[in-house]
Amino acid sequence: MSELGTHAGAAGSEVVLEIAGVCLRFGGVVCLNDVSLSLHRREILAVIGPNGAGKTSLFNSLTGVYRPGQGSIIFHPDPARGADGTDLIGKSIPAINRLGIARTFQNIRLFPALTTLENVKISVEARQRSGALSAMLGLPWQRREEKASNRASMELLDEVGLAGKANDLAGGLAYGEQRRLEIARALGTKPTVLLLDEPAAGTNATEKRELAALITAINARHGTSILLIEHDMHLVMSIAHRVAVLNFGEKLAEGRPAQIQQNPAVIEAYLGKPDNGRRHRRARTPRAVSDTNELDTR
């Protein structure tokens, strides 16, 4: 068992997000080439790969930032009902969020001049019916919604360990705290699927352990399906049910963490081919692995 945390409970067999044959090109540059993945209900699926492998392009395709030229991305918000699902390709960013998909970003995108509580309330209130007019009029149901949003936002802050800093400005939080605040804000929309884009980037060892425990708890407590991009292999291998590997825009491998750690093609993509008896050469990009990110191939 990893010191970072335990693997989340068994994922369900129902597919909540089905990515099939997705291709994304910009001119002559191929970002994604025939990528197919399935995210199951209550699952933590990690997507890894060297820099430039297509991981962020995949996230941007899932959330409406990019529009793939081929393939489909089918979202099944309630697979138990047996519905066909909704193809996300061509839908706007707000529409995809309303369906039940939320994300965080590699580069933190908080409102630094607002308080920690206000940052979370923005996402919580996005699902309420109150508008500016009802707020000005102080209608009874609007006041009830205001109390409800305060309560829900405080519960989320408590969940990520920031309840004691509800009135602090977001811009004044420590870096790891800002990371957790961004997760709380994403949870405010009550997503079925949560996309985490390198949540451990820039954090120290203690913050990584706390983050691993938080992600596992969110998955277990809310039943949220989580799709995770992350360079830190120690964190990935400690919490993911399955791992998919991208390289040069194509899916290189997919399987359980232990299988991925021993996969020769994955080891080659990260560390290069053996060279004249030496162990491995550095991967094609200098940041592909680091002393804390290397695949444990023992």
C-alpha atoms as a PDB file:
ATOM      1  CA  MET A   1       0.000   0.000   0.000  1.00  0.00           C
ATOM      2  CA  SER A   2       1.359   3.418  -0.956  1.00  0.00           C
ATOM      3  CA  GLU A   3       2.168   5.968   1.673  1.00  0.00           C
ATOM      4  CA  LEU A   4       0.228   8.536  -0.331  1.00  0.00           C
ATOM      5  CA  GLY A   5      -3.099   6.852   0.156  1.00  0.00           C
ATOM      6  CA  THR A   6      -5.126   3.820  -0.695  1.00  0.00           C
ATOM      7  CA  HIS A   7      -6.765   2.972  -3.972  1.00  0.00           C
ATOM      8  CA  ALA A   8     -10.366   4.092  -4.088  1.00  0.00           C
ATOM      9  CA  GLY A   9     -13.143   1.551  -3.802  1.00  0.00           C
ATOM     10  CA  ALA A  10     -14.005  -0.619  -6.750  1.00  0.00           C
ATOM     11  CA  ALA A  11     -15.250   1.340  -9.733  1.00  0.00           C
ATOM     12  CA  GLY A  12     -18.577   0.520 -11.307  1.00  0.00           C
ATOM     13  CA  SER A  13     -18.916  -1.277 -14.635  1.00  0.00           C
ATOM     14  CA  GLU A  14     -21.205   1.396 -16.116  1.00  0.00           C
ATOM     15  CA  VAL A  15     -19.533   3.713 -18.609  1.00  0.00           C
ATOM     16  CA  VAL A  16     -20.138   7.367 -17.797  1.00  0.00           C
ATOM     17  CA  LEU A  17     -17.850   8.921 -20.430  1.00  0.00           C
ATOM     18  CA  GLU A  18     -17.068   7.165 -23.694  1.00  0.00           C
ATOM     19  CA  ILE A  19     -14.362   8.586 -25.963  1.00  0.00           C
ATOM     20  CA  ALA A  20     -14.316   6.836 -29.338  1.00  0.00           C
ATOM     21  CA  GLY A  21     -11.911   7.412 -32.229  1.00  0.00           C
ATOM     22  CA  VAL A  22     -11.238  11.066 -31.396  1.00  0.00           C
ATOM     23  CA  CYS A  23      -8.934  12.893 -33.802  1.00  0.00           C
ATOM     24  CA  LEU A  24      -7.818  16.493 -33.321  1.00  0.00           C
ATOM     25  CA  ARG A  25      -5.688  18.349 -35.834  1.00  0.00           C
ATOM     26  CA  PHE A  26      -4.521  21.920 -36.216  1.00  0.00           C
ATOM     27  CA  GLY A  27      -3.343  22.275 -39.796  1.00  0.00           C
ATOM     28  CA  GLY A  28      -0.687  19.621 -40.278  1.00  0.00           C
ATOM     29  CA  VAL A  29      -0.211  19.069 -36.554  1.00  0.00           C
ATOM     30  CA  VAL A  30      -1.921  15.960 -35.184  1.00  0.00           C
ATOM     31  CA  CYS A  31      -2.709  16.429 -31.484  1.00  0.00           C
ATOM     32  CA  LEU A  32      -4.917  13.354 -31.021  1.00  0.00           C
ATOM     33  CA  ASN A  33      -5.054  10.407 -33.374  1.00  0.00           C
ATOM     34  CA  ASP A  34      -7.867   7.862 -33.015  1.00  0.00           C
ATOM     35  CA  VAL A  35      -7.953   8.028 -29.204  1.00  0.00           C
ATOM     36  CA  SER A  36     -10.521   5.820 -27.474  1.00  0.00           C
ATOM     37  CA  LEU A  37     -11.068   5.649 -23.703  1.00  0.00           C
ATOM     38  CA  SER A  38     -13.911   4.815 -21.344  1.00  0.00           C
ATOM     39  CA  LEU A  39     -14.396   6.270 -17.858  1.00  0.00           C
ATOM     40  CA  HIS A  40     -16.582   4.174 -15.562  1.00  0.00           C
ATOM     41  CA  ARG A  41     -18.877   5.293 -12.800  1.00  0.00           C
ATOM     42  CA  ARG A  42     -17.030   5.890  -9.512  1.00  0.00           C
ATOM     43  CA  GLU A  43     -13.683   5.300 -11.224  1.00  0.00           C
ATOM     44  CA  ILE A  44     -10.418   7.214 -10.985  1.00  0.00           C
ATOM     45  CA  LEU A  45      -8.770   6.994 -14.406  1.00  0.00           C
ATOM     46  CA  ALA A  46      -5.348   8.615 -14.800  1.00  0.00           C
ATOM     47  CA  VAL A  47      -4.022   9.762 -18.179  1.00  0.00           C
ATOM     48  CA  ILE A  48      -0.246   9.999 -18.283  1.00  0.00           C
ATOM     49  CA  GLY A  49       2.419  10.515 -20.918  1.00  0.00           C
ATOM     50  CA  PRO A  50       5.490  12.590 -21.753  1.00  0.00           C
ATOM     51  CA  ASN A  51       5.086  16.323 -22.364  1.00  0.00           C
ATOM     52  CA  GLY A  52       3.340  16.985 -25.659  1.00  0.00           C
ATOM     53  CA  ALA A  53       1.654  13.569 -25.651  1.00  0.00           C
ATOM     54  CA  GLY A  54      -1.829  15.087 -26.090  1.00  0.00           C
ATOM     55  CA  LYS A  55      -3.146  14.964 -22.525  1.00  0.00           C
ATOM     56  CA  THR A  56      -4.312  18.584 -22.283  1.00  0.00           C
ATOM     57  CA  SER A  57      -5.625  18.432 -25.857  1.00  0.00           C
ATOM     58  CA  LEU A  58      -7.805  15.544 -24.707  1.00  0.00           C
ATOM     59  CA  PHE A  59      -9.126  17.539 -21.739  1.00  0.00           C
ATOM     60  CA  ASN A  60      -9.817  20.548 -23.941  1.00  0.00           C
ATOM     61  CA  SER A  61     -11.738  18.302 -26.340  1.00  0.00           C
ATOM     62  CA  LEU A  62     -13.829  16.912 -23.491  1.00  0.00           C
ATOM     63  CA  THR A  63     -14.765  20.355 -22.165  1.00  0.00           C
ATOM     64  CA  GLY A  64     -15.583  22.167 -25.408  1.00  0.00           C
ATOM     65  CA  VAL A  65     -12.413  24.248 -25.699  1.00  0.00           C
ATOM     66  CA  TYR A  66     -11.411  22.284 -28.821  1.00  0.00           C
ATOM     67  CA  ARG A  67     -13.682  20.595 -31.333  1.00  0.00           C
ATOM     68  CA  PRO A  68     -12.307  17.289 -32.655  1.00  0.00           C
ATOM     69  CA  GLY A  69     -12.703  16.676 -36.358  1.00  0.00           C
ATOM     70  CA  GLN A  70     -13.495  12.989 -35.942  1.00  0.00           C
ATOM     71  CA  GLY A  71     -14.879  10.635 -33.347  1.00  0.00           C
ATOM     72  CA  SER A  72     -17.393  11.004 -30.560  1.00  0.00           C
ATOM     73  CA  ILE A  73     -17.402  11.837 -26.843  1.00  0.00           C
ATOM     74  CA  ILE A  74     -20.553  10.399 -25.308  1.00  0.00           C
ATOM     75  CA  PHE A  75     -21.550  11.415 -21.790  1.00  0.00           C
ATOM     76  CA  HIS A  76     -23.924   9.150 -19.863  1.00  0.00           C
ATOM     77  CA  PRO A  77     -24.952  11.150 -16.775  1.00  0.00           C
ATOM     78  CA  ASP A  78     -27.174   8.328 -15.529  1.00  0.00           C
ATOM     79  CA  PRO A  79     -26.242   5.028 -17.187  1.00  0.00           C
ATOM     80  CA  ALA A  80     -28.785   3.190 -15.001  1.00  0.00           C
ATOM     81  CA  ARG A  81     -31.577   4.739 -17.054  1.00  0.00           C
ATOM     82  CA  GLY A  82     -30.247   3.149 -20.220  1.00  0.00           C
ATOM     83  CA  ALA A  83     -30.275   6.398 -22.185  1.00  0.00           C
ATOM     84  CA  ASP A  84     -28.109   6.741 -25.274  1.00  0.00           C
ATOM     85  CA  GLY A  85     -26.155   9.615 -23.784  1.00  0.00           C
ATOM     86  CA  THR A  86     -25.114  12.981 -25.207  1.00  0.00           C
ATOM     87  CA  ASP A  87     -22.295  13.655 -27.658  1.00  0.00           C
ATOM     88  CA  LEU A  88     -20.248  16.511 -26.236  1.00  0.00           C
ATOM     89  CA  ILE A  89     -18.539  17.419 -29.507  1.00  0.00           C
ATOM     90  CA  GLY A  90     -19.879  20.757 -30.691  1.00  0.00           C
ATOM     91  CA  LYS A  91     -21.390  21.742 -27.368  1.00  0.00           C
ATOM     92  CA  SER A  92     -20.312  24.926 -25.595  1.00  0.00           C
ATOM     93  CA  ILE A  93     -18.211  25.033 -22.435  1.00  0.00           C
ATOM     94  CA  PRO A  94     -21.166  26.191 -20.248  1.00  0.00           C
ATOM     95  CA  ALA A  95     -23.460  23.548 -21.749  1.00  0.00           C
ATOM     96  CA  ILE A  96     -20.978  20.767 -20.964  1.00  0.00           C
ATOM     97  CA  ASN A  97     -20.606  22.057 -17.414  1.00  0.00           C
ATOM     98  CA  ARG A  98     -24.384  22.108 -16.941  1.00  0.00           C
ATOM     99  CA  LEU A  99     -24.567  18.496 -18.098  1.00  0.00           C
ATOM    100  CA  GLY A 100     -22.337  17.508 -15.184  1.00  0.00           C
ATOM    101  CA  ILE A 101     -18.668  17.808 -16.167  1.00  0.00           C
ATOM    102  CA  ALA A 102     -16.318  20.131 -14.260  1.00  0.00           C
ATOM    103  CA  ARG A 103     -12.569  20.656 -14.476  1.00  0.00           C
ATOM    104  CA  THR A 104      -9.591  22.253 -12.829  1.00  0.00           C
ATOM    105  CA  PHE A 105      -6.644  23.712 -14.723  1.00  0.00           C
ATOM    106  CA  GLN A 106      -2.911  23.175 -14.726  1.00  0.00           C
ATOM    107  CA  ASN A 107      -2.548  26.941 -14.275  1.00  0.00           C
ATOM    108  CA  ILE A 108      -4.754  27.944 -11.339  1.00  0.00           C
ATOM    109  CA  ARG A 109      -7.720  30.093 -12.388  1.00  0.00           C
ATOM    110  CA  LEU A 110      -9.192  31.460  -9.194  1.00  0.00           C
ATOM    111  CA  PHE A 111     -10.550  34.954  -8.554  1.00  0.00           C
ATOM    112  CA  PRO A 112      -7.685  36.228  -6.367  1.00  0.00           C
ATOM    113  CA  ALA A 113      -9.491  39.402  -5.220  1.00  0.00           C
ATOM    114  CA  LEU A 114     -12.489  37.427  -3.923  1.00  0.00           C
ATOM    115  CA  THR A 115     -12.574  35.492  -0.677  1.00  0.00           C
ATOM    116  CA  THR A 116     -12.195  31.750  -0.518  1.00  0.00           C
ATOM    117  CA  LEU A 117     -15.909  31.435   0.255  1.00  0.00           C
ATOM    118  CA  GLU A 118     -16.922  33.716  -2.617  1.00  0.00           C
ATOM    119  CA  ASN A 119     -14.871  31.665  -5.086  1.00  0.00           C
ATOM    120  CA  VAL A 120     -16.803  28.524  -4.184  1.00  0.00           C
ATOM    121  CA  LYS A 121     -20.186  30.296  -4.061  1.00  0.00           C
ATOM    122  CA  ILE A 122     -19.776  31.341  -7.691  1.00  0.00           C
ATOM    123  CA  SER A 123     -19.917  27.720  -8.803  1.00  0.00           C
ATOM    124  CA  VAL A 124     -22.583  26.686  -6.278  1.00  0.00           C
ATOM    125  CA  GLU A 125     -24.895  29.512  -7.331  1.00  0.00           C
ATOM    126  CA  ALA A 126     -24.472  28.669 -11.010  1.00  0.00           C
ATOM    127  CA  ARG A 127     -27.004  25.884 -10.427  1.00  0.00           C
ATOM    128  CA  GLN A 128     -29.509  28.098  -8.634  1.00  0.00           C
ATOM    129  CA  ARG A 129     -32.370  30.001 -10.216  1.00  0.00           C
ATOM    130  CA  SER A 130     -31.679  33.336  -8.518  1.00  0.00           C
ATOM    131  CA  GLY A 131     -30.589  36.255 -10.675  1.00  0.00           C
ATOM    132  CA  ALA A 132     -29.579  39.862 -10.137  1.00  0.00           C
ATOM    133  CA  LEU A 133     -33.195  41.100 -10.061  1.00  0.00           C
ATOM    134  CA  SER A 134     -34.376  38.617  -7.451  1.00  0.00           C
ATOM    135  CA  ALA A 135     -31.304  39.420  -5.343  1.00  0.00           C
ATOM    136  CA  MET A 136     -32.082  43.147  -5.443  1.00  0.00           C
ATOM    137  CA  LEU A 137     -35.722  42.529  -4.548  1.00  0.00           C
ATOM    138  CA  GLY A 138     -34.754  40.230  -1.672  1.00  0.00           C
ATOM    139  CA  LEU A 139     -37.459  37.697  -2.494  1.00  0.00           C
ATOM    140  CA  PRO A 140     -38.047  35.004   0.157  1.00  0.00           C
ATOM    141  CA  TRP A 141     -36.956  32.109  -2.049  1.00  0.00           C
ATOM    142  CA  GLN A 142     -33.870  34.070  -3.048  1.00  0.00           C
ATOM    143  CA  ARG A 143     -32.917  34.519   0.602  1.00  0.00           C
ATOM    144  CA  ARG A 144     -33.386  30.792   1.136  1.00  0.00           C
ATOM    145  CA  GLU A 145     -31.125  30.063  -1.804  1.00  0.00           C
ATOM    146  CA  GLU A 146     -28.512  32.460  -0.434  1.00  0.00           C
ATOM    147  CA  LYS A 147     -28.459  30.610   2.887  1.00  0.00           C
ATOM    148  CA  ALA A 148     -28.310  27.293   1.074  1.00  0.00           C
ATOM    149  CA  SER A 149     -25.386  28.421  -1.090  1.00  0.00           C
ATOM    150  CA  ASN A 150     -23.487  29.658   1.967  1.00  0.00           C
ATOM    151  CA  ARG A 151     -24.054  26.349   3.715  1.00  0.00           C
ATOM    152  CA  ALA A 152     -23.076  24.265   0.676  1.00  0.00           C
ATOM    153  CA  SER A 153     -19.975  26.378   0.039  1.00  0.00           C
ATOM    154  CA  MET A 154     -18.827  26.092   3.647  1.00  0.00           C
ATOM    155  CA  GLU A 155     -19.304  22.314   3.522  1.00  0.00           C
ATOM    156  CA  LEU A 156     -17.087  22.133   0.448  1.00  0.00           C
ATOM    157  CA  LEU A 157     -14.442  24.313   2.083  1.00  0.00           C
ATOM    158  CA  ASP A 158     -14.535  22.045   5.104  1.00  0.00           C
ATOM    159  CA  GLU A 159     -14.128  19.024   2.842  1.00  0.00           C
ATOM    160  CA  VAL A 160     -10.923  20.416   1.325  1.00  0.00           C
ATOM    161  CA  GLY A 161      -9.606  21.682   4.658  1.00  0.00           C
ATOM    162  CA  LEU A 162     -10.154  25.401   4.074  1.00  0.00           C
ATOM    163  CA  ALA A 163     -13.169  26.193   6.273  1.00  0.00           C
ATOM    164  CA  GLY A 164     -10.948  28.197   8.609  1.00  0.00           C
ATOM    165  CA  LYS A 165      -9.925  30.450   5.724  1.00  0.00           C
ATOM    166  CA  ALA A 166     -13.368  31.188   4.308  1.00  0.00           C
ATOM    167  CA  ASN A 167     -12.898  34.955   4.608  1.00  0.00           C
ATOM    168  CA  ASP A 168      -9.292  35.044   3.382  1.00  0.00           C
ATOM    169  CA  LEU A 169      -8.617  36.377  -0.100  1.00  0.00           C
ATOM    170  CA  ALA A 170      -7.953  33.532  -2.527  1.00  0.00           C
ATOM    171  CA  GLY A 171      -4.849  35.292  -3.819  1.00  0.00           C
ATOM    172  CA  GLY A 172      -3.304  35.182  -0.354  1.00  0.00           C
ATOM    173  CA  LEU A 173      -3.590  31.423   0.112  1.00  0.00           C
ATOM    174  CA  ALA A 174      -0.572  29.162  -0.054  1.00  0.00           C
ATOM    175  CA  TYR A 175      -0.089  27.440  -3.405  1.00  0.00           C
ATOM    176  CA  GLY A 176      -1.289  24.038  -2.220  1.00  0.00           C
ATOM    177  CA  GLU A 177      -4.353  25.660  -0.633  1.00  0.00           C
ATOM    178  CA  GLN A 178      -5.184  27.338  -3.929  1.00  0.00           C
ATOM    179  CA  ARG A 179      -5.060  23.949  -5.591  1.00  0.00           C
ATOM    180  CA  ARG A 180      -7.554  22.567  -3.084  1.00  0.00           C
ATOM    181  CA  LEU A 181      -9.768  25.636  -3.442  1.00  0.00           C
ATOM    182  CA  GLU A 182      -9.954  25.094  -7.177  1.00  0.00           C
ATOM    183  CA  ILE A 183     -11.130  21.533  -6.557  1.00  0.00           C
ATOM    184  CA  ALA A 184     -13.777  22.781  -4.111  1.00  0.00           C
ATOM    185  CA  ARG A 185     -14.996  25.287  -6.693  1.00  0.00           C
ATOM    186  CA  ALA A 186     -15.258  22.566  -9.333  1.00  0.00           C
ATOM    187  CA  LEU A 187     -17.264  20.413  -6.920  1.00  0.00           C
ATOM    188  CA  GLY A 188     -19.690  23.306  -6.385  1.00  0.00           C
ATOM    189  CA  THR A 189     -21.468  22.445  -9.626  1.00  0.00           C
ATOM    190  CA  LYS A 190     -22.103  18.874  -8.351  1.00  0.00           C
ATOM    191  CA  PRO A 191     -20.386  17.197 -11.293  1.00  0.00           C
ATOM    192  CA  THR A 192     -20.832  13.588 -12.295  1.00  0.00           C
ATOM    193  CA  VAL A 193     -17.352  13.709 -13.847  1.00  0.00           C
ATOM    194  CA  LEU A 194     -14.451  15.728 -12.449  1.00  0.00           C
ATOM    195  CA  LEU A 195     -11.444  16.430 -14.677  1.00  0.00           C
ATOM    196  CA  LEU A 196      -8.261  17.254 -12.772  1.00  0.00           C
ATOM    197  CA  ASP A 197      -5.472  18.767 -14.881  1.00  0.00           C
ATOM    198  CA  GLU A 198      -2.150  18.215 -13.053  1.00  0.00           C
ATOM    199  CA  PRO A 199      -3.505  19.020  -9.576  1.00  0.00           C
ATOM    200  CA  ALA A 200      -0.173  18.193  -7.915  1.00  0.00           C
ATOM    201  CA  ALA A 201       1.909  20.530 -10.102  1.00  0.00           C
ATOM    202  CA  GLY A 202       4.098  22.759  -7.959  1.00  0.00           C
ATOM    203  CA  THR A 203       3.140  21.130  -4.643  1.00  0.00           C
ATOM    204  CA  ASN A 204       5.518  19.683  -2.068  1.00  0.00           C
ATOM    205  CA  ALA A 205       5.568  16.130  -0.718  1.00  0.00           C
ATOM    206  CA  THR A 206       3.204  16.873   2.176  1.00  0.00           C
ATOM    207  CA  GLU A 207       0.721  18.635  -0.109  1.00  0.00           C
ATOM    208  CA  LYS A 208       0.851  15.694  -2.528  1.00  0.00           C
ATOM    209  CA  ARG A 209      -0.074  13.267   0.261  1.00  0.00           C
ATOM    210  CA  GLU A 210      -2.965  15.511   1.312  1.00  0.00           C
ATOM    211  CA  LEU A 211      -4.090  15.834  -2.303  1.00  0.00           C
ATOM    212  CA  ALA A 212      -4.053  12.068  -2.846  1.00  0.00           C
ATOM    213  CA  ALA A 213      -6.189  11.563   0.256  1.00  0.00           C
ATOM    214  CA  LEU A 214      -8.586  14.319  -0.864  1.00  0.00           C
ATOM    215  CA  ILE A 215      -9.076  12.910  -4.375  1.00  0.00           C
ATOM    216  CA  THR A 216      -9.692   9.429  -2.967  1.00  0.00           C
ATOM    217  CA  ALA A 217     -12.194  10.826  -0.454  1.00  0.00           C
ATOM    218  CA  ILE A 218     -14.083  12.793  -3.120  1.00  0.00           C
ATOM    219  CA  ASN A 219     -14.352   9.686  -5.263  1.00  0.00           C
ATOM    220  CA  ALA A 220     -15.607   7.585  -2.350  1.00  0.00           C
ATOM    221  CA  ARG A 221     -17.891  10.155  -0.681  1.00  0.00           C
ATOM    222  CA  HIS A 222     -19.615  11.624  -3.726  1.00  0.00           C
ATOM    223  CA  GLY A 223     -19.251   8.719  -6.148  1.00  0.00           C
ATOM    224  CA  THR A 224     -17.669  11.193  -8.573  1.00  0.00           C
ATOM    225  CA  SER A 225     -15.940   9.706 -11.596  1.00  0.00           C
ATOM    226  CA  ILE A 226     -12.502  11.326 -11.874  1.00  0.00           C
ATOM    227  CA  LEU A 227     -10.304  11.698 -14.942  1.00  0.00           C
ATOM    228  CA  LEU A 228      -6.840  12.773 -13.870  1.00  0.00           C
ATOM    229  CA  ILE A 229      -3.849  14.148 -15.789  1.00  0.00           C
ATOM    230  CA  GLU A 230      -0.723  14.025 -13.680  1.00  0.00           C
ATOM    231  CA  HIS A 231       3.069  13.808 -14.065  1.00  0.00           C
ATOM    232  CA  ASP A 232       3.705  12.583 -10.534  1.00  0.00           C
ATOM    233  CA  MET A 233       3.754   8.821 -10.956  1.00  0.00           C
ATOM    234  CA  HIS A 234       3.851   8.126  -7.227  1.00  0.00           C
ATOM    235  CA  LEU A 235       0.529   9.909  -6.773  1.00  0.00           C
ATOM    236  CA  VAL A 236      -0.994   8.346  -9.906  1.00  0.00           C
ATOM    237  CA  MET A 237      -0.071   4.803  -8.991  1.00  0.00           C
ATOM    238  CA  SER A 238      -1.371   5.237  -5.449  1.00  0.00           C
ATOM    239  CA  ILE A 239      -4.928   6.339  -6.269  1.00  0.00           C
ATOM    240  CA  ALA A 240      -5.874   5.363  -9.843  1.00  0.00           C
ATOM    241  CA  HIS A 241      -8.012   2.331 -10.613  1.00  0.00           C
ATOM    242  CA  ARG A 242      -6.710   2.344 -14.190  1.00  0.00           C
ATOM    243  CA  VAL A 243      -4.059   4.254 -16.111  1.00  0.00           C
ATOM    244  CA  ALA A 244      -4.045   5.206 -19.806  1.00  0.00           C
ATOM    245  CA  VAL A 245      -0.840   6.307 -21.501  1.00  0.00           C
ATOM    246  CA  LEU A 246      -0.700   8.752 -24.414  1.00  0.00           C
ATOM    247  CA  ASN A 247       2.347   9.279 -26.603  1.00  0.00           C
ATOM    248  CA  PHE A 248       2.523  11.486 -29.690  1.00  0.00           C
ATOM    249  CA  GLY A 249      -1.261  11.888 -29.594  1.00  0.00           C
ATOM    250  CA  GLU A 250      -2.031   8.172 -29.602  1.00  0.00           C
ATOM    251  CA  LYS A 251      -3.017   5.747 -26.860  1.00  0.00           C
ATOM    252  CA  LEU A 252       0.055   3.683 -26.106  1.00  0.00           C
ATOM    253  CA  ALA A 253      -1.276   1.492 -23.301  1.00  0.00           C
ATOM    254  CA  GLU A 254      -4.113   1.084 -20.818  1.00  0.00           C
ATOM    255  CA  GLY A 255      -4.469  -1.047 -17.711  1.00  0.00           C
ATOM    256  CA  ARG A 256      -4.144  -1.271 -13.975  1.00  0.00           C
ATOM    257  CA  PRO A 257      -1.286   0.671 -12.356  1.00  0.00           C
ATOM    258  CA  ALA A 258       0.838  -2.452 -11.802  1.00  0.00           C
ATOM    259  CA  GLN A 259       0.447  -3.431 -15.469  1.00  0.00           C
ATOM    260  CA  ILE A 260       1.426   0.024 -16.688  1.00  0.00           C
ATOM    261  CA  GLN A 261       4.506   0.102 -14.454  1.00  0.00           C
ATOM    262  CA  GLN A 262       5.787  -3.078 -16.111  1.00  0.00           C
ATOM    263  CA  ASN A 263       4.778  -2.248 -19.701  1.00  0.00           C
ATOM    264  CA  PRO A 264       7.933  -2.131 -21.901  1.00  0.00           C
ATOM    265  CA  ALA A 265       6.422   0.368 -24.362  1.00  0.00           C
ATOM    266  CA  VAL A 266       5.540   2.749 -21.518  1.00  0.00           C
ATOM    267  CA  ILE A 267       9.001   2.446 -19.976  1.00  0.00           C
ATOM    268  CA  GLU A 268      10.544   3.211 -23.363  1.00  0.00           C
ATOM    269  CA  ALA A 269       8.317   6.249 -23.895  1.00  0.00           C
ATOM    270  CA  TYR A 270       9.375   7.704 -20.560  1.00  0.00           C
ATOM    271  CA  LEU A 271      13.015   6.643 -20.329  1.00  0.00           C
ATOM    272  CA  GLY A 272      14.101   5.850 -23.874  1.00  0.00           C
ATOM    273  CA  LYS A 273      15.680   2.682 -25.237  1.00  0.00           C
ATOM    274  CA  PRO A 274      18.644   0.987 -23.571  1.00  0.00           C
ATOM    275  CA  ASP A 275      21.925   2.317 -24.977  1.00  0.00           C
ATOM    276  CA  ASN A 276      25.150   0.246 -24.986  1.00  0.00           C
ATOM    277  CA  GLY A 277      24.497  -1.413 -21.651  1.00  0.00           C
ATOM    278  CA  ARG A 278      23.492   1.777 -19.898  1.00  0.00           C
ATOM    279  CA  ARG A 279      20.179   1.637 -18.062  1.00  0.00           C
ATOM    280  CA  HIS A 280      18.047   4.074 -20.137  1.00  0.00           C
ATOM    281  CA  ARG A 281      18.423   7.369 -21.874  1.00  0.00           C
ATOM    282  CA  ARG A 282      16.392  10.385 -20.826  1.00  0.00           C
ATOM    283  CA  ALA A 283      13.027  10.708 -22.575  1.00  0.00           C
ATOM    284  CA  ARG A 284      12.486  13.007 -25.535  1.00  0.00           C
ATOM    285  CA  THR A 285      11.357  15.844 -23.294  1.00  0.00           C
ATOM    286  CA  PRO A 286      13.400  16.874 -20.269  1.00  0.00           C
ATOM    287  CA  ARG A 287      10.356  17.133 -17.975  1.00  0.00           C
ATOM    288  CA  ALA A 288       8.833  13.773 -18.934  1.00  0.00           C
ATOM    289  CA  VAL A 289      10.029  12.244 -15.674  1.00  0.00           C
ATOM    290  CA  SER A 290      11.832  13.560 -12.642  1.00  0.00           C
ATOM    291  CA  ASP A 291      13.229  12.113  -9.441  1.00  0.00           C
ATOM    292  CA  THR A 292       9.686  12.000  -7.998  1.00  0.00           C
ATOM    293  CA  ASN A 293       7.889  11.098 -11.240  1.00  0.00           C
ATOM    294  CA  GLU A 294       9.751   8.071 -12.583  1.00  0.00           C
ATOM    295  CA  LEU A 295       7.875   4.866 -13.181  1.00  0.00           C
ATOM    296  CA  ASP A 296       8.873   2.306 -10.586  1.00  0.00           C
ATOM    297  CA  THR A 297       9.970  -0.565 -12.811  1.00  0.00           C
ATOM    298  CA  ARG A 298      11.420  -2.756 -10.104  1.00  0.00           C
END
